[in-house]
């Protein structure tokens, strides 16, 4: 495992997508479609969109 957290699979490594807000690595492979967010930005986004009751 290297510093980016890439894990070997088959004959290569998993390349994780960068967060569209801050540029940090996410938990999603680059093959995932749509906007990818890191755990921190996902949490902030959830807080912004949550119903305040």
N, C-alpha and C. Protein backbone atom coordinates (compact mmCIF):
# COMPACT_ATOMS: atom_id res chain seq x y z
N UNK A 1 0.85 -1.17 0.00
CA UNK A 1 0.00 0.00 0.00
C UNK A 1 0.90 1.24 0.00
N UNK A 2 0.57 2.24 -0.83
CA UNK A 2 1.38 3.45 -0.84
C UNK A 2 0.71 4.56 -0.03
N UNK A 3 1.26 5.74 -0.04
CA UNK A 3 0.77 6.86 0.78
C UNK A 3 -0.65 7.28 0.40
N UNK A 4 -1.07 7.04 -0.84
CA UNK A 4 -2.40 7.44 -1.28
C UNK A 4 -3.47 6.44 -0.87
N UNK A 5 -3.08 5.30 -0.34
CA UNK A 5 -4.05 4.29 0.06
C UNK A 5 -4.47 3.37 -1.06
N UNK A 6 -3.74 3.40 -2.18
CA UNK A 6 -4.07 2.51 -3.29
C UNK A 6 -3.80 1.07 -2.89
N UNK A 7 -4.71 0.19 -3.24
CA UNK A 7 -4.56 -1.21 -2.91
C UNK A 7 -4.42 -2.03 -4.19
N UNK A 8 -3.51 -3.00 -4.20
CA UNK A 8 -3.37 -3.82 -5.39
C UNK A 8 -4.60 -4.67 -5.66
N UNK A 9 -5.01 -4.73 -6.91
CA UNK A 9 -6.13 -5.59 -7.32
C UNK A 9 -5.74 -6.27 -8.61
N UNK A 10 -5.71 -7.56 -8.61
CA UNK A 10 -5.34 -8.29 -9.81
C UNK A 10 -3.92 -7.98 -10.21
N UNK A 11 -3.73 -7.20 -11.28
CA UNK A 11 -2.40 -6.89 -11.74
C UNK A 11 -2.03 -5.42 -11.61
N UNK A 12 -2.91 -4.61 -11.01
CA UNK A 12 -2.62 -3.18 -10.93
C UNK A 12 -3.04 -2.60 -9.60
N UNK A 13 -3.17 -1.30 -9.59
CA UNK A 13 -3.60 -0.62 -8.37
C UNK A 13 -4.88 0.14 -8.63
N UNK A 14 -5.63 0.35 -7.57
CA UNK A 14 -6.86 1.14 -7.66
C UNK A 14 -6.46 2.60 -7.60
N UNK A 15 -6.93 3.39 -8.55
CA UNK A 15 -6.66 4.81 -8.53
C UNK A 15 -7.93 5.50 -8.05
N UNK A 16 -7.81 6.21 -6.94
CA UNK A 16 -8.97 6.86 -6.35
C UNK A 16 -9.17 8.25 -6.94
N UNK A 17 -10.44 8.61 -7.11
CA UNK A 17 -10.78 9.92 -7.66
C UNK A 17 -10.50 11.00 -6.63
N UNK A 18 -10.23 12.21 -7.11
CA UNK A 18 -10.02 13.35 -6.23
C UNK A 18 -11.35 14.02 -5.93
N UNK A 19 -11.46 14.59 -4.74
CA UNK A 19 -12.66 15.33 -4.34
C UNK A 19 -12.84 16.53 -5.25
N UNK A 20 -14.06 16.78 -5.70
CA UNK A 20 -14.32 17.90 -6.61
C UNK A 20 -14.28 19.24 -5.88
N UNK A 21 -14.34 19.23 -4.53
CA UNK A 21 -14.30 20.48 -3.78
C UNK A 21 -12.89 20.83 -3.31
N UNK A 22 -12.20 19.88 -2.67
CA UNK A 22 -10.91 20.21 -2.06
C UNK A 22 -9.72 19.53 -2.73
N UNK A 23 -9.95 18.53 -3.58
CA UNK A 23 -8.87 17.87 -4.29
C UNK A 23 -8.22 16.72 -3.55
N UNK A 24 -8.68 16.43 -2.33
CA UNK A 24 -8.13 15.31 -1.57
C UNK A 24 -8.62 13.99 -2.18
N UNK A 25 -7.89 12.90 -1.97
CA UNK A 25 -8.35 11.59 -2.47
C UNK A 25 -9.66 11.18 -1.80
N UNK A 26 -10.52 10.52 -2.55
CA UNK A 26 -11.79 10.04 -2.00
C UNK A 26 -11.70 8.54 -1.77
N UNK A 27 -12.81 7.96 -1.35
CA UNK A 27 -12.90 6.51 -1.15
C UNK A 27 -13.42 5.82 -2.40
N UNK A 28 -13.59 6.58 -3.49
CA UNK A 28 -14.18 6.05 -4.72
C UNK A 28 -13.13 5.90 -5.81
N UNK A 29 -13.18 4.80 -6.57
CA UNK A 29 -12.25 4.66 -7.70
C UNK A 29 -12.57 5.69 -8.78
N UNK A 30 -11.59 5.99 -9.62
CA UNK A 30 -11.79 6.98 -10.69
C UNK A 30 -12.88 6.56 -11.67
N UNK A 31 -13.22 5.27 -11.70
CA UNK A 31 -14.24 4.80 -12.64
C UNK A 31 -15.66 5.18 -12.22
N UNK A 32 -15.85 5.69 -11.00
CA UNK A 32 -17.17 6.08 -10.52
C UNK A 32 -17.62 7.33 -11.26
N UNK A 33 -18.86 7.31 -11.74
CA UNK A 33 -19.42 8.45 -12.47
C UNK A 33 -19.97 9.48 -11.48
N UNK A 34 -19.97 10.73 -11.88
CA UNK A 34 -20.56 11.79 -11.07
C UNK A 34 -19.53 12.50 -10.20
N UNK A 35 -20.01 13.41 -9.37
CA UNK A 35 -19.15 14.19 -8.49
C UNK A 35 -18.72 13.34 -7.31
N UNK A 36 -17.42 13.26 -7.10
CA UNK A 36 -16.90 12.50 -5.98
C UNK A 36 -16.41 13.46 -4.90
N UNK A 37 -16.74 13.13 -3.65
CA UNK A 37 -16.36 13.96 -2.52
C UNK A 37 -15.59 13.12 -1.51
N UNK A 38 -14.62 13.76 -0.83
CA UNK A 38 -13.91 13.08 0.24
C UNK A 38 -14.86 12.98 1.44
N UNK A 39 -14.53 12.16 2.43
CA UNK A 39 -15.43 12.01 3.59
C UNK A 39 -15.76 13.33 4.29
N UNK A 40 -14.80 14.23 4.39
CA UNK A 40 -15.05 15.52 5.07
C UNK A 40 -16.04 16.36 4.26
N UNK A 41 -15.82 16.48 2.96
CA UNK A 41 -16.73 17.27 2.12
C UNK A 41 -18.10 16.61 2.02
N UNK A 42 -18.16 15.26 2.03
CA UNK A 42 -19.45 14.56 2.04
C UNK A 42 -20.23 14.94 3.30
N UNK A 43 -19.53 14.98 4.43
CA UNK A 43 -20.18 15.33 5.70
C UNK A 43 -20.69 16.77 5.65
N UNK A 44 -19.86 17.70 5.15
CA UNK A 44 -20.28 19.10 5.05
C UNK A 44 -21.48 19.25 4.12
N UNK A 45 -21.47 18.53 3.01
CA UNK A 45 -22.59 18.57 2.05
C UNK A 45 -23.87 18.05 2.70
N UNK A 46 -23.75 16.97 3.47
CA UNK A 46 -24.92 16.42 4.17
C UNK A 46 -25.46 17.43 5.18
N UNK A 47 -24.58 18.14 5.87
CA UNK A 47 -25.02 19.15 6.83
C UNK A 47 -25.74 20.29 6.14
N UNK A 48 -25.26 20.70 4.96
CA UNK A 48 -25.89 21.80 4.23
C UNK A 48 -27.26 21.42 3.70
N UNK A 49 -27.44 20.16 3.32
CA UNK A 49 -28.70 19.76 2.70
C UNK A 49 -29.69 19.12 3.66
N UNK A 50 -29.29 18.94 4.93
CA UNK A 50 -30.18 18.32 5.91
C UNK A 50 -31.34 19.24 6.26
N UNK A 51 -32.46 18.64 6.53
CA UNK A 51 -33.64 19.40 6.95
C UNK A 51 -33.41 19.91 8.38
N UNK A 52 -33.64 21.18 8.58
CA UNK A 52 -33.41 21.76 9.91
C UNK A 52 -34.62 21.59 10.81
N UNK A 53 -35.69 21.00 10.30
CA UNK A 53 -36.84 20.65 11.11
C UNK A 53 -37.79 21.74 11.28
